[in-house]
Amino acid sequence: MANSVAVGLAIVRKNVAALAAEIGADPAPTLVAVSKLMPVETLMLAYNENQRHFGENYVQEICDKAPQMPDDIQWHFIGGLQSNKAKMLVSGVKGLYMVESVDSQKLATQLDKACEAAKRDVLQVMVQVNTSLEESKGGCEDTEAASVAKHIVDKCKNLKFTGLMTIGKLGDPNPEPYFAKLSQCRKEVAKQLGVDEKLIHLSMGMSGDYELAIRKGSDNVRVGSTIFGSRPPKPPSSDVAPTFPAAPTAASTPARASASSAPITTATPTAAATRAATPAATVSETTSATTGSCPFSGAAATEGAKCPFASASSSTLMGVSLPAPAWVCGVAALSAIGAIFALRMRSHTA
């Protein structure tokens, strides 16, 4: 393992240096070794080869690793960051060098407050732009990047706006459009801020496309598997929402007897009956398979926006993200839990 990490790192460094010389980039792009899911022992192999910039995706993981690593490491946080975890990240990572995934004014404000509370030096940040417009990706739209950047510059005294970051569409054999879009976004942000666009760095390019990214002007490249090899699967944690099985339809869910043993008809269920009969843990964002209506509000599927529980995108159920499109609402789910609990209590006391 020690030899493979050293070899992988040497190859990437050689390529970065050659490309920088080819395009006349001075200084050469910063190489961020993306070490998510890798043990500290593996990171130390790269550290012993004089690698100092490391990138992590998960708050809990970087907070666990940082205290075990040398103090001169410059940590880049590159994953999705919830506003309520900004304080944990800032206070838990002494060597936090940059957050590359700021995608809203709210998150920038929370990071600014966290830095103030921690009494740390100014934190460098980048605005993440979703150049592929994928719902599964973090980042703001390119049209919003300038306003987020301006908020950082004008309102967040503990943050330093450094540049823009993007991931692009994973698996796309032609990432060039995403790189071009970020470069164009930089022009607009520079114009809005009244600065030279060369002062706004670009972070784009990963293991499969960092060479093209450098040719397209990237100042930071984030390379993981080419250095460290394939990653182990991520264990369940608070950073990843668990998945739930799909909700049973009216046709597949057997009728339940009530506490008084009164039969429940298998005809089209009412909203109340569906709430009582459907376990909360199996509720998913689907419409009723038999009626085409919202199982919680009774609104027809075609009424979408009129249904108080309908959502055009994703929803959350007790803090867990569920896929779109949806008829799910936390209030309805809690009602189902209450109904089931009441039935069980009545059956025990009967």
Protein backbone atom coordinates (compact mmCIF):
# COMPACT_ATOMS: atom_id res chain seq x y z
CA MET A 1 0.00 0.00 0.00
CA ALA A 2 2.80 2.41 0.91
CA ASN A 3 4.43 1.97 -2.48
CA SER A 4 1.15 2.26 -4.42
CA VAL A 5 0.22 5.56 -2.73
CA ALA A 6 3.69 6.98 -3.37
CA VAL A 7 3.60 5.88 -7.00
CA GLY A 8 0.08 7.22 -7.58
CA LEU A 9 0.96 10.54 -6.01
CA ALA A 10 4.16 10.83 -8.05
CA ILE A 11 2.30 10.16 -11.30
CA VAL A 12 -0.34 12.81 -10.60
CA ARG A 13 2.24 15.38 -9.53
CA LYS A 14 4.27 14.76 -12.68
CA ASN A 15 1.19 15.19 -14.86
CA VAL A 16 0.12 18.38 -13.07
CA ALA A 17 3.59 19.90 -13.43
CA ALA A 18 3.82 18.97 -17.12
CA LEU A 19 0.40 20.44 -17.90
CA ALA A 20 1.19 23.62 -15.95
CA ALA A 21 4.34 24.06 -18.01
CA GLU A 22 2.43 23.36 -21.23
CA ILE A 23 -0.14 26.09 -20.63
CA GLY A 24 2.19 28.46 -18.77
CA ALA A 25 0.37 28.24 -15.45
CA ASP A 26 2.41 29.81 -12.67
CA PRO A 27 1.97 28.77 -9.97
CA ALA A 28 0.94 25.24 -10.91
CA PRO A 29 -2.55 24.11 -9.82
CA THR A 30 -2.90 22.94 -6.23
CA LEU A 31 -3.26 19.18 -5.90
CA VAL A 32 -5.85 18.25 -3.26
CA ALA A 33 -5.62 14.58 -2.29
CA VAL A 34 -9.21 13.47 -1.72
CA SER A 35 -8.97 11.06 1.18
CA LYS A 36 -12.60 10.39 2.10
CA LEU A 37 -13.24 6.95 3.60
CA MET A 38 -9.52 6.26 3.77
CA PRO A 39 -7.96 5.44 7.17
CA VAL A 40 -5.50 7.78 8.82
CA GLU A 41 -2.69 5.30 8.17
CA THR A 42 -3.25 5.66 4.42
CA LEU A 43 -3.32 9.45 4.61
CA MET A 44 -0.01 9.36 6.45
CA LEU A 45 1.54 7.53 3.50
CA ALA A 46 0.75 10.54 1.33
CA TYR A 47 1.78 12.95 4.07
CA ASN A 48 5.16 11.24 4.24
CA GLU A 49 5.53 12.01 0.51
CA ASN A 50 5.13 15.73 1.38
CA GLN A 51 1.44 15.97 0.48
CA ARG A 52 -0.20 18.66 2.62
CA HIS A 53 -3.54 19.49 0.96
CA PHE A 54 -6.19 16.87 1.76
CA GLY A 55 -9.88 16.92 0.86
CA GLU A 56 -12.73 15.39 2.84
CA ASN A 57 -16.47 15.08 2.13
CA TYR A 58 -18.08 14.28 5.47
CA VAL A 59 -18.13 16.45 8.57
CA GLN A 60 -17.91 13.67 11.13
CA GLU A 61 -15.09 11.97 9.27
CA ILE A 62 -12.90 15.05 8.92
CA CYS A 63 -13.52 15.93 12.58
CA ASP A 64 -12.38 12.43 13.55
CA LYS A 65 -9.30 12.42 11.33
CA ALA A 66 -7.94 15.93 11.81
CA PRO A 67 -6.87 15.54 15.47
CA GLN A 68 -4.98 12.35 14.54
CA MET A 69 -2.99 14.00 11.76
CA PRO A 70 -0.08 16.51 11.86
CA ASP A 71 -1.00 20.14 12.44
CA ASP A 72 0.50 21.42 9.19
CA ILE A 73 -2.10 19.69 7.01
CA GLN A 74 -4.31 22.09 5.05
CA TRP A 75 -7.76 20.55 5.06
CA HIS A 76 -10.24 21.25 2.26
CA PHE A 77 -13.88 20.44 2.96
CA ILE A 78 -15.42 19.58 -0.41
CA GLY A 79 -18.67 17.79 0.46
CA GLY A 80 -22.21 18.94 1.03
CA LEU A 81 -22.46 20.96 4.23
CA GLN A 82 -25.63 21.62 6.18
CA SER A 83 -25.83 24.98 7.91
CA ASN A 84 -26.34 23.35 11.30
CA LYS A 85 -23.00 21.54 10.98
CA ALA A 86 -20.93 24.62 10.21
CA LYS A 87 -19.99 25.13 13.86
CA MET A 88 -18.97 21.48 14.25
CA LEU A 89 -16.74 21.67 11.19
CA VAL A 90 -15.02 24.92 12.12
CA SER A 91 -14.47 24.06 15.77
CA GLY A 92 -13.53 20.44 15.12
CA VAL A 93 -10.87 20.93 12.44
CA LYS A 94 -8.01 23.11 13.65
CA GLY A 95 -6.25 23.09 10.29
CA LEU A 96 -9.36 23.82 8.19
CA TYR A 97 -7.89 25.67 5.22
CA MET A 98 -10.82 26.03 2.86
CA VAL A 99 -14.49 25.13 2.45
CA GLU A 100 -15.11 24.63 -1.27
CA SER A 101 -18.81 23.80 -1.08
CA VAL A 102 -20.58 26.99 0.03
CA ASP A 103 -23.80 27.13 -1.98
CA SER A 104 -26.02 29.65 -0.20
CA GLN A 105 -25.94 32.91 1.72
CA LYS A 106 -27.34 31.07 4.74
CA LEU A 107 -24.45 28.62 4.84
CA ALA A 108 -21.92 31.43 4.39
CA THR A 109 -23.48 33.30 7.31
CA GLN A 110 -23.33 30.22 9.56
CA LEU A 111 -19.68 29.61 8.68
CA ASP A 112 -18.93 33.26 9.41
CA LYS A 113 -20.58 33.00 12.83
CA ALA A 114 -18.75 29.75 13.55
CA CYS A 115 -15.40 31.36 12.74
CA GLU A 116 -16.25 34.31 14.98
CA ALA A 117 -17.14 31.98 17.84
CA ALA A 118 -14.00 29.91 17.37
CA LYS A 119 -11.83 33.04 17.19
CA ARG A 120 -9.93 31.56 14.28
CA ASP A 121 -8.18 33.21 11.35
CA VAL A 122 -10.14 34.13 8.24
CA LEU A 123 -11.42 31.01 6.48
CA GLN A 124 -11.09 30.71 2.72
CA VAL A 125 -14.27 29.62 0.93
CA MET A 126 -15.38 28.82 -2.58
CA VAL A 127 -18.89 28.97 -3.99
CA GLN A 128 -19.98 25.62 -5.40
CA VAL A 129 -21.83 25.86 -8.71
CA ASN A 130 -24.05 23.05 -9.98
CA THR A 131 -22.99 23.21 -13.63
CA SER A 132 -24.76 19.95 -14.53
CA LEU A 133 -28.09 21.02 -12.96
CA GLU A 134 -28.50 17.63 -11.31
CA GLU A 135 -30.88 17.57 -8.35
CA SER A 136 -28.63 15.06 -6.58
CA LYS A 137 -25.73 17.51 -6.65
CA GLY A 138 -25.00 20.32 -4.27
CA GLY A 139 -24.22 23.80 -5.45
CA CYS A 140 -26.15 26.87 -6.51
CA GLU A 141 -27.10 27.64 -10.09
CA ASP A 142 -24.65 29.69 -12.08
CA THR A 143 -27.07 32.63 -12.04
CA GLU A 144 -26.98 32.67 -8.23
CA ALA A 145 -23.21 32.42 -7.77
CA ALA A 146 -22.54 36.17 -7.95
CA SER A 147 -25.07 37.00 -5.22
CA VAL A 148 -23.62 34.34 -2.89
CA ALA A 149 -20.09 35.58 -3.57
CA LYS A 150 -21.13 39.20 -2.99
CA HIS A 151 -22.77 38.25 0.30
CA ILE A 152 -19.52 36.64 1.44
CA VAL A 153 -17.47 39.68 0.46
CA ASP A 154 -19.86 42.25 1.92
CA LYS A 155 -21.33 40.51 4.97
CA CYS A 156 -18.94 37.80 6.16
CA LYS A 157 -15.85 39.40 7.67
CA ASN A 158 -14.46 36.07 8.85
CA LEU A 159 -14.57 34.51 5.38
CA LYS A 160 -12.48 35.17 2.30
CA PHE A 161 -14.09 34.49 -1.05
CA THR A 162 -11.45 32.61 -3.05
CA GLY A 163 -13.22 31.20 -6.09
CA LEU A 164 -15.71 28.79 -7.61
CA MET A 165 -15.95 25.01 -7.48
CA THR A 166 -17.85 22.48 -9.55
CA ILE A 167 -18.08 18.71 -9.85
CA GLY A 168 -19.74 18.24 -13.22
CA LYS A 169 -21.80 15.23 -14.18
CA LEU A 170 -20.24 12.00 -12.98
CA GLY A 171 -19.79 9.47 -15.74
CA ASP A 172 -20.11 11.99 -18.54
CA PRO A 173 -17.28 11.23 -20.98
CA ASN A 174 -17.25 14.88 -22.03
CA PRO A 175 -16.87 17.14 -18.96
CA GLU A 176 -15.74 20.12 -21.04
CA PRO A 177 -19.16 21.87 -21.05
CA TYR A 178 -19.18 21.94 -17.24
CA PHE A 179 -15.69 23.41 -17.11
CA ALA A 180 -16.62 26.00 -19.72
CA LYS A 181 -19.74 26.91 -17.77
CA LEU A 182 -17.75 27.50 -14.60
CA SER A 183 -15.26 29.66 -16.48
CA GLN A 184 -18.11 31.73 -17.88
CA CYS A 185 -19.62 31.98 -14.40
CA ARG A 186 -16.31 33.37 -13.15
CA LYS A 187 -16.51 36.20 -15.70
CA GLU A 188 -19.93 37.22 -14.40
CA VAL A 189 -18.92 36.97 -10.73
CA ALA A 190 -15.79 39.05 -11.41
CA LYS A 191 -17.93 41.65 -13.14
CA GLN A 192 -20.38 41.83 -10.24
CA LEU A 193 -17.59 42.11 -7.68
CA GLY A 194 -15.55 44.52 -9.77
CA VAL A 195 -12.38 42.42 -9.63
CA ASP A 196 -9.98 40.83 -12.11
CA GLU A 197 -11.30 37.37 -12.94
CA LYS A 198 -7.80 35.93 -12.47
CA LEU A 199 -8.22 36.62 -8.76
CA ILE A 200 -11.14 34.16 -8.69
CA HIS A 201 -9.73 30.65 -8.64
CA LEU A 202 -11.45 27.63 -10.17
CA SER A 203 -11.62 24.23 -8.49
CA MET A 204 -12.58 21.63 -11.06
CA GLY A 205 -11.28 18.28 -12.19
CA MET A 206 -11.03 14.91 -10.44
CA SER A 207 -9.22 11.62 -11.06
CA GLY A 208 -10.79 11.00 -14.45
CA ASP A 209 -10.61 14.51 -15.91
CA TYR A 210 -8.11 16.63 -13.97
CA GLU A 211 -5.80 16.92 -16.97
CA LEU A 212 -8.53 18.44 -19.14
CA ALA A 213 -9.57 20.66 -16.23
CA ILE A 214 -6.06 22.08 -15.97
CA ARG A 215 -6.04 22.83 -19.69
CA LYS A 216 -9.34 24.66 -19.16
CA GLY A 217 -7.90 26.84 -16.41
CA SER A 218 -8.39 24.96 -13.14
CA ASP A 219 -6.38 26.24 -10.16
CA ASN A 220 -7.32 23.34 -7.83
CA VAL A 221 -7.67 19.68 -8.84
CA ARG A 222 -9.20 17.14 -6.48
CA VAL A 223 -7.74 13.69 -7.04
CA GLY A 224 -8.56 10.65 -4.89
CA SER A 225 -8.71 7.17 -6.37
CA THR A 226 -5.73 7.71 -8.69
CA ILE A 227 -3.63 8.31 -5.57
CA PHE A 228 -5.23 6.11 -2.93
CA GLY A 229 -6.92 3.41 -5.00
CA SER A 230 -10.55 2.34 -4.75
CA ARG A 231 -12.44 3.41 -1.66
CA PRO A 232 -14.21 1.12 0.80
CA PRO A 233 -18.01 1.51 1.04
CA LYS A 234 -19.21 4.24 3.37
CA PRO A 235 -20.61 2.87 6.65
CA PRO A 236 -24.00 4.16 7.85
CA SER A 237 -23.65 7.48 9.63
CA SER A 238 -25.44 10.73 10.34
CA ASP A 239 -23.99 12.16 7.13
CA VAL A 240 -26.08 9.85 4.94
CA ALA A 241 -29.84 9.48 5.16
CA PRO A 242 -31.08 5.88 5.41
CA THR A 243 -33.35 4.53 2.70
CA PHE A 244 -36.77 3.04 3.26
CA PRO A 245 -38.73 0.45 1.29
CA ALA A 246 -41.53 1.69 -0.95
CA ALA A 247 -44.93 2.11 0.61
CA PRO A 248 -47.35 -0.78 0.01
CA THR A 249 -50.26 0.06 -2.26
CA ALA A 250 -53.90 -0.41 -1.36
CA ALA A 251 -53.97 -3.55 -3.54
CA SER A 252 -50.98 -5.18 -1.81
CA THR A 253 -51.65 -4.14 1.80
CA PRO A 254 -53.94 -6.53 3.69
CA ALA A 255 -56.80 -4.96 5.62
CA ARG A 256 -56.25 -4.67 9.38
CA ALA A 257 -58.84 -5.41 12.00
CA SER A 258 -59.56 -2.59 14.42
CA ALA A 259 -59.44 -3.00 18.19
CA SER A 260 -63.20 -3.62 18.21
CA SER A 261 -62.75 -6.32 15.49
CA ALA A 262 -64.88 -4.33 13.08
CA PRO A 263 -63.97 -5.35 9.51
CA ILE A 264 -62.14 -2.84 7.31
CA THR A 265 -63.38 -2.75 3.76
CA THR A 266 -60.85 -3.07 0.92
CA ALA A 267 -62.62 -0.39 -1.09
CA THR A 268 -60.81 2.84 -1.93
CA PRO A 269 -59.39 4.06 1.39
CA THR A 270 -60.13 7.43 2.86
CA ALA A 271 -57.31 9.74 3.87
CA ALA A 272 -57.81 8.83 7.55
CA ALA A 273 -57.87 5.09 6.87
CA THR A 274 -54.71 5.28 4.83
CA ARG A 275 -52.94 7.20 7.57
CA ALA A 276 -53.90 4.58 10.12
CA ALA A 277 -53.07 1.59 7.94
CA THR A 278 -49.71 2.66 6.55
CA PRO A 279 -46.64 2.28 8.80
CA ALA A 280 -44.60 5.51 8.89
CA ALA A 281 -41.32 3.69 8.20
CA THR A 282 -42.60 2.50 4.82
CA VAL A 283 -44.10 5.75 3.60
CA SER A 284 -42.48 6.90 0.36
CA GLU A 285 -43.17 9.77 -1.96
CA THR A 286 -45.52 8.01 -4.34
CA THR A 287 -49.11 8.52 -5.36
CA SER A 288 -51.78 5.94 -4.63
CA ALA A 289 -51.44 3.11 -7.14
CA THR A 290 -55.16 2.40 -7.16
CA THR A 291 -56.78 5.80 -6.90
CA GLY A 292 -54.19 8.22 -8.28
CA SER A 293 -54.80 10.47 -5.29
CA CYS A 294 -52.73 11.72 -2.38
CA PRO A 295 -53.10 9.16 0.44
CA PHE A 296 -52.88 11.90 3.05
CA SER A 297 -54.94 14.80 1.70
CA GLY A 298 -57.23 12.98 -0.76
CA ALA A 299 -56.33 15.44 -3.52
CA ALA A 300 -56.22 14.06 -7.03
CA ALA A 301 -52.75 13.51 -8.51
CA THR A 302 -53.52 16.05 -11.20
CA GLU A 303 -54.11 18.67 -8.52
CA GLY A 304 -50.38 18.55 -7.55
CA ALA A 305 -49.84 22.11 -6.36
CA LYS A 306 -53.21 22.17 -4.55
CA CYS A 307 -52.33 19.24 -2.32
CA PRO A 308 -50.78 20.57 0.92
CA PHE A 309 -48.58 17.51 1.13
CA ALA A 310 -47.38 17.49 -2.49
CA SER A 311 -43.81 18.40 -3.36
CA ALA A 312 -42.23 19.04 -6.74
CA SER A 313 -38.84 17.97 -5.49
CA SER A 314 -37.55 16.03 -2.50
CA SER A 315 -39.05 16.01 0.98
CA THR A 316 -37.79 15.12 4.39
CA LEU A 317 -39.40 12.72 6.82
CA MET A 318 -38.15 13.13 10.41
CA GLY A 319 -34.87 14.49 9.08
CA VAL A 320 -34.51 11.84 6.34
CA SER A 321 -34.46 12.90 2.70
CA LEU A 322 -36.88 10.98 0.47
CA PRO A 323 -36.89 10.95 -3.34
CA ALA A 324 -39.16 12.99 -5.59
CA PRO A 325 -41.88 13.21 -6.83
CA ALA A 326 -43.78 13.03 -3.59
CA TRP A 327 -47.04 13.02 -1.71
CA VAL A 328 -45.23 12.70 1.63
CA CYS A 329 -45.46 15.05 4.59
CA GLY A 330 -43.99 14.71 8.05
CA VAL A 331 -47.28 15.72 9.67
CA ALA A 332 -49.12 12.90 7.92
CA ALA A 333 -46.43 10.41 8.85
CA LEU A 334 -46.65 11.40 12.51
CA SER A 335 -50.42 11.01 12.32
CA ALA A 336 -49.92 7.45 11.08
CA ILE A 337 -47.57 6.71 13.96
CA GLY A 338 -50.10 8.07 16.44
CA ALA A 339 -52.93 6.03 14.95
CA ILE A 340 -50.96 2.78 15.05
CA PHE A 341 -49.88 3.45 18.64
CA ALA A 342 -53.50 4.09 19.65
CA LEU A 343 -54.66 0.82 18.04
CA ARG A 344 -52.00 -1.15 19.86
CA MET A 345 -52.83 0.45 23.20
CA ARG A 346 -56.52 -0.31 22.75
CA SER A 347 -55.74 -3.93 21.84
CA HIS A 348 -53.68 -4.32 25.03
CA THR A 349 -56.40 -2.87 27.23
CA ALA A 350 -59.28 -4.77 25.57
